[in-house]
N, C-alpha and C. Protein backbone atom coordinates (compact mmCIF):
# COMPACT_ATOMS: atom_id res chain seq x y z
N MET A 1 -31.39 19.13 207.43
CA MET A 1 -30.69 19.88 206.40
C MET A 1 -31.41 19.74 205.06
N LEU A 2 -31.87 18.55 204.75
CA LEU A 2 -32.55 18.32 203.48
C LEU A 2 -33.85 19.12 203.37
N PRO A 3 -34.70 19.13 204.40
CA PRO A 3 -35.94 19.90 204.27
C PRO A 3 -35.69 21.39 204.05
N LEU A 4 -34.65 21.94 204.68
CA LEU A 4 -34.34 23.35 204.49
C LEU A 4 -33.92 23.63 203.05
N SER A 5 -33.11 22.74 202.50
CA SER A 5 -32.69 22.94 201.11
C SER A 5 -33.86 22.78 200.14
N MET A 6 -34.76 21.85 200.47
CA MET A 6 -35.94 21.68 199.63
C MET A 6 -36.83 22.93 199.69
N LEU A 7 -36.93 23.53 200.87
CA LEU A 7 -37.72 24.76 201.02
C LEU A 7 -37.10 25.88 200.20
N ALA A 8 -35.79 26.02 200.27
CA ALA A 8 -35.11 27.06 199.50
C ALA A 8 -35.31 26.84 198.01
N LEU A 9 -35.21 25.61 197.59
CA LEU A 9 -35.40 25.30 196.17
C LEU A 9 -36.82 25.61 195.73
N SER A 10 -37.80 25.24 196.53
CA SER A 10 -39.19 25.48 196.16
C SER A 10 -39.52 26.97 196.19
N LEU A 11 -38.93 27.72 197.12
CA LEU A 11 -39.16 29.16 197.15
C LEU A 11 -38.52 29.83 195.94
N GLY A 12 -37.36 29.36 195.55
CA GLY A 12 -36.70 29.92 194.38
C GLY A 12 -37.52 29.69 193.12
N CYS A 13 -38.12 28.53 193.02
CA CYS A 13 -38.96 28.22 191.85
C CYS A 13 -40.28 28.97 191.90
N ALA A 14 -40.80 29.15 193.10
CA ALA A 14 -42.11 29.80 193.25
C ALA A 14 -42.02 31.29 192.94
N CYS A 15 -40.87 31.88 193.17
CA CYS A 15 -40.73 33.32 192.95
C CYS A 15 -40.57 33.67 191.48
N SER A 16 -40.06 32.76 190.70
CA SER A 16 -39.88 33.06 189.29
C SER A 16 -41.17 32.74 188.54
N THR A 17 -41.57 33.68 187.70
CA THR A 17 -42.80 33.46 186.94
C THR A 17 -42.43 32.82 185.61
N PRO A 18 -43.20 31.85 185.17
CA PRO A 18 -42.90 31.21 183.89
C PRO A 18 -43.14 32.19 182.75
N ARG A 19 -42.33 32.09 181.73
CA ARG A 19 -42.48 32.96 180.56
C ARG A 19 -43.33 32.21 179.53
N VAL A 20 -44.43 32.78 179.17
CA VAL A 20 -45.33 32.18 178.21
C VAL A 20 -45.30 33.02 176.94
N VAL A 21 -45.04 32.35 175.83
CA VAL A 21 -45.03 33.03 174.54
C VAL A 21 -46.17 32.46 173.70
N VAL A 22 -47.03 33.31 173.24
CA VAL A 22 -48.17 32.89 172.42
C VAL A 22 -47.72 32.92 170.96
N ILE A 23 -47.88 31.79 170.29
CA ILE A 23 -47.51 31.68 168.89
C ILE A 23 -48.79 31.67 168.07
N PRO A 24 -48.94 32.63 167.14
CA PRO A 24 -50.13 32.62 166.29
C PRO A 24 -50.21 31.32 165.49
N SER A 25 -51.40 30.90 165.17
CA SER A 25 -51.59 29.61 164.50
C SER A 25 -50.90 29.55 163.14
N ASP A 26 -50.72 30.68 162.48
CA ASP A 26 -50.04 30.65 161.18
C ASP A 26 -48.51 30.64 161.32
N ARG A 27 -47.98 30.61 162.55
CA ARG A 27 -46.54 30.57 162.78
C ARG A 27 -46.11 29.29 163.49
N GLN A 28 -47.02 28.34 163.64
CA GLN A 28 -46.71 27.09 164.31
C GLN A 28 -45.79 26.23 163.46
N VAL A 29 -45.00 25.41 164.16
CA VAL A 29 -44.19 24.40 163.49
C VAL A 29 -44.86 23.06 163.77
N LEU A 30 -45.36 22.42 162.74
CA LEU A 30 -46.09 21.18 162.90
C LEU A 30 -45.30 20.02 162.29
N PRO A 31 -45.05 18.96 163.06
CA PRO A 31 -44.39 17.80 162.47
C PRO A 31 -45.35 17.08 161.52
N VAL A 32 -44.81 16.59 160.43
CA VAL A 32 -45.60 15.88 159.43
C VAL A 32 -45.00 14.49 159.25
N SER A 33 -45.79 13.47 159.45
CA SER A 33 -45.32 12.09 159.29
C SER A 33 -45.40 11.67 157.84
N ALA A 34 -44.42 10.87 157.40
CA ALA A 34 -44.40 10.37 156.03
C ALA A 34 -45.59 9.44 155.82
N GLY A 35 -46.20 9.53 154.66
CA GLY A 35 -47.30 8.65 154.31
C GLY A 35 -48.64 9.04 154.90
N LYS A 36 -48.71 10.14 155.63
CA LYS A 36 -49.98 10.59 156.22
C LYS A 36 -50.43 11.87 155.52
N SER A 37 -51.72 12.07 155.45
CA SER A 37 -52.27 13.28 154.85
C SER A 37 -52.04 14.47 155.77
N PHE A 38 -51.79 15.62 155.19
CA PHE A 38 -51.58 16.84 155.96
C PHE A 38 -52.41 17.94 155.33
N LEU A 39 -53.29 18.53 156.11
CA LEU A 39 -54.09 19.65 155.65
C LEU A 39 -53.58 20.90 156.36
N PRO A 40 -52.81 21.73 155.66
CA PRO A 40 -52.24 22.91 156.31
C PRO A 40 -53.33 23.91 156.69
N PRO A 41 -53.13 24.60 157.83
CA PRO A 41 -54.14 25.58 158.28
C PRO A 41 -54.11 26.86 157.45
N VAL A 42 -53.00 27.12 156.76
CA VAL A 42 -52.86 28.33 155.95
C VAL A 42 -52.11 27.98 154.67
N ASN A 43 -52.18 28.86 153.68
CA ASN A 43 -51.39 28.68 152.47
C ASN A 43 -49.93 28.96 152.79
N GLY A 44 -49.03 28.26 152.16
CA GLY A 44 -47.62 28.54 152.40
C GLY A 44 -46.75 27.45 151.83
N TRP A 45 -45.46 27.53 152.16
CA TRP A 45 -44.47 26.56 151.73
C TRP A 45 -44.22 25.59 152.86
N PHE A 46 -44.23 24.32 152.58
CA PHE A 46 -43.99 23.31 153.60
C PHE A 46 -42.74 22.55 153.18
N VAL A 47 -41.66 22.76 153.93
CA VAL A 47 -40.33 22.32 153.55
C VAL A 47 -39.94 21.06 154.31
N PRO A 48 -39.42 20.04 153.63
CA PRO A 48 -38.94 18.84 154.33
C PRO A 48 -37.82 19.20 155.31
N GLN A 49 -37.69 18.43 156.37
CA GLN A 49 -36.76 18.75 157.44
C GLN A 49 -35.31 18.87 156.96
N ALA A 50 -34.86 17.96 156.10
CA ALA A 50 -33.47 18.01 155.63
C ALA A 50 -33.20 19.30 154.87
N ARG A 51 -34.13 19.71 154.01
CA ARG A 51 -33.96 20.95 153.25
C ARG A 51 -33.99 22.16 154.18
N MET A 52 -34.86 22.12 155.19
CA MET A 52 -34.94 23.22 156.15
C MET A 52 -33.62 23.37 156.89
N GLN A 53 -33.00 22.25 157.28
CA GLN A 53 -31.71 22.31 157.96
C GLN A 53 -30.65 22.94 157.05
N GLU A 54 -30.65 22.58 155.77
CA GLU A 54 -29.71 23.18 154.82
C GLU A 54 -29.90 24.70 154.76
N MET A 55 -31.14 25.13 154.70
CA MET A 55 -31.42 26.56 154.63
C MET A 55 -30.98 27.28 155.90
N LEU A 56 -31.25 26.68 157.06
CA LEU A 56 -30.86 27.30 158.33
C LEU A 56 -29.34 27.40 158.45
N HIS A 57 -28.62 26.34 158.05
CA HIS A 57 -27.16 26.38 158.11
C HIS A 57 -26.60 27.44 157.16
N ALA A 58 -27.20 27.58 155.99
CA ALA A 58 -26.77 28.60 155.05
C ALA A 58 -26.97 30.00 155.64
N LEU A 59 -28.09 30.22 156.31
CA LEU A 59 -28.34 31.51 156.94
C LEU A 59 -27.35 31.78 158.07
N GLU A 60 -27.01 30.73 158.85
CA GLU A 60 -26.03 30.90 159.93
C GLU A 60 -24.67 31.29 159.36
N ARG A 61 -24.26 30.60 158.28
CA ARG A 61 -22.96 30.92 157.67
C ARG A 61 -22.95 32.34 157.13
N LYS A 62 -24.06 32.77 156.55
CA LYS A 62 -24.17 34.12 155.99
C LYS A 62 -24.13 35.18 157.09
N ALA A 63 -24.67 34.86 158.27
CA ALA A 63 -24.73 35.82 159.37
C ALA A 63 -23.40 35.97 160.10
N GLU A 64 -22.50 34.98 159.95
CA GLU A 64 -21.21 35.07 160.64
C GLU A 64 -20.37 36.17 160.01
N PRO A 65 -19.64 36.93 160.85
CA PRO A 65 -18.82 38.03 160.32
C PRO A 65 -17.62 37.54 159.54
């Protein structure tokens, strides 16, 4: 019984194709460690995580009906 279920599981996984999304280098999210140098690949605004969370929550509240 176990081998048959394993076969069904593997066939189910084999039939689905993985979805790959290509992110351009200027749209990457890069973690930055405190106290380490960071050379950004492009010009832009680099926002600390706590401030970014505040901004995202504000956008969520604004989007709610």
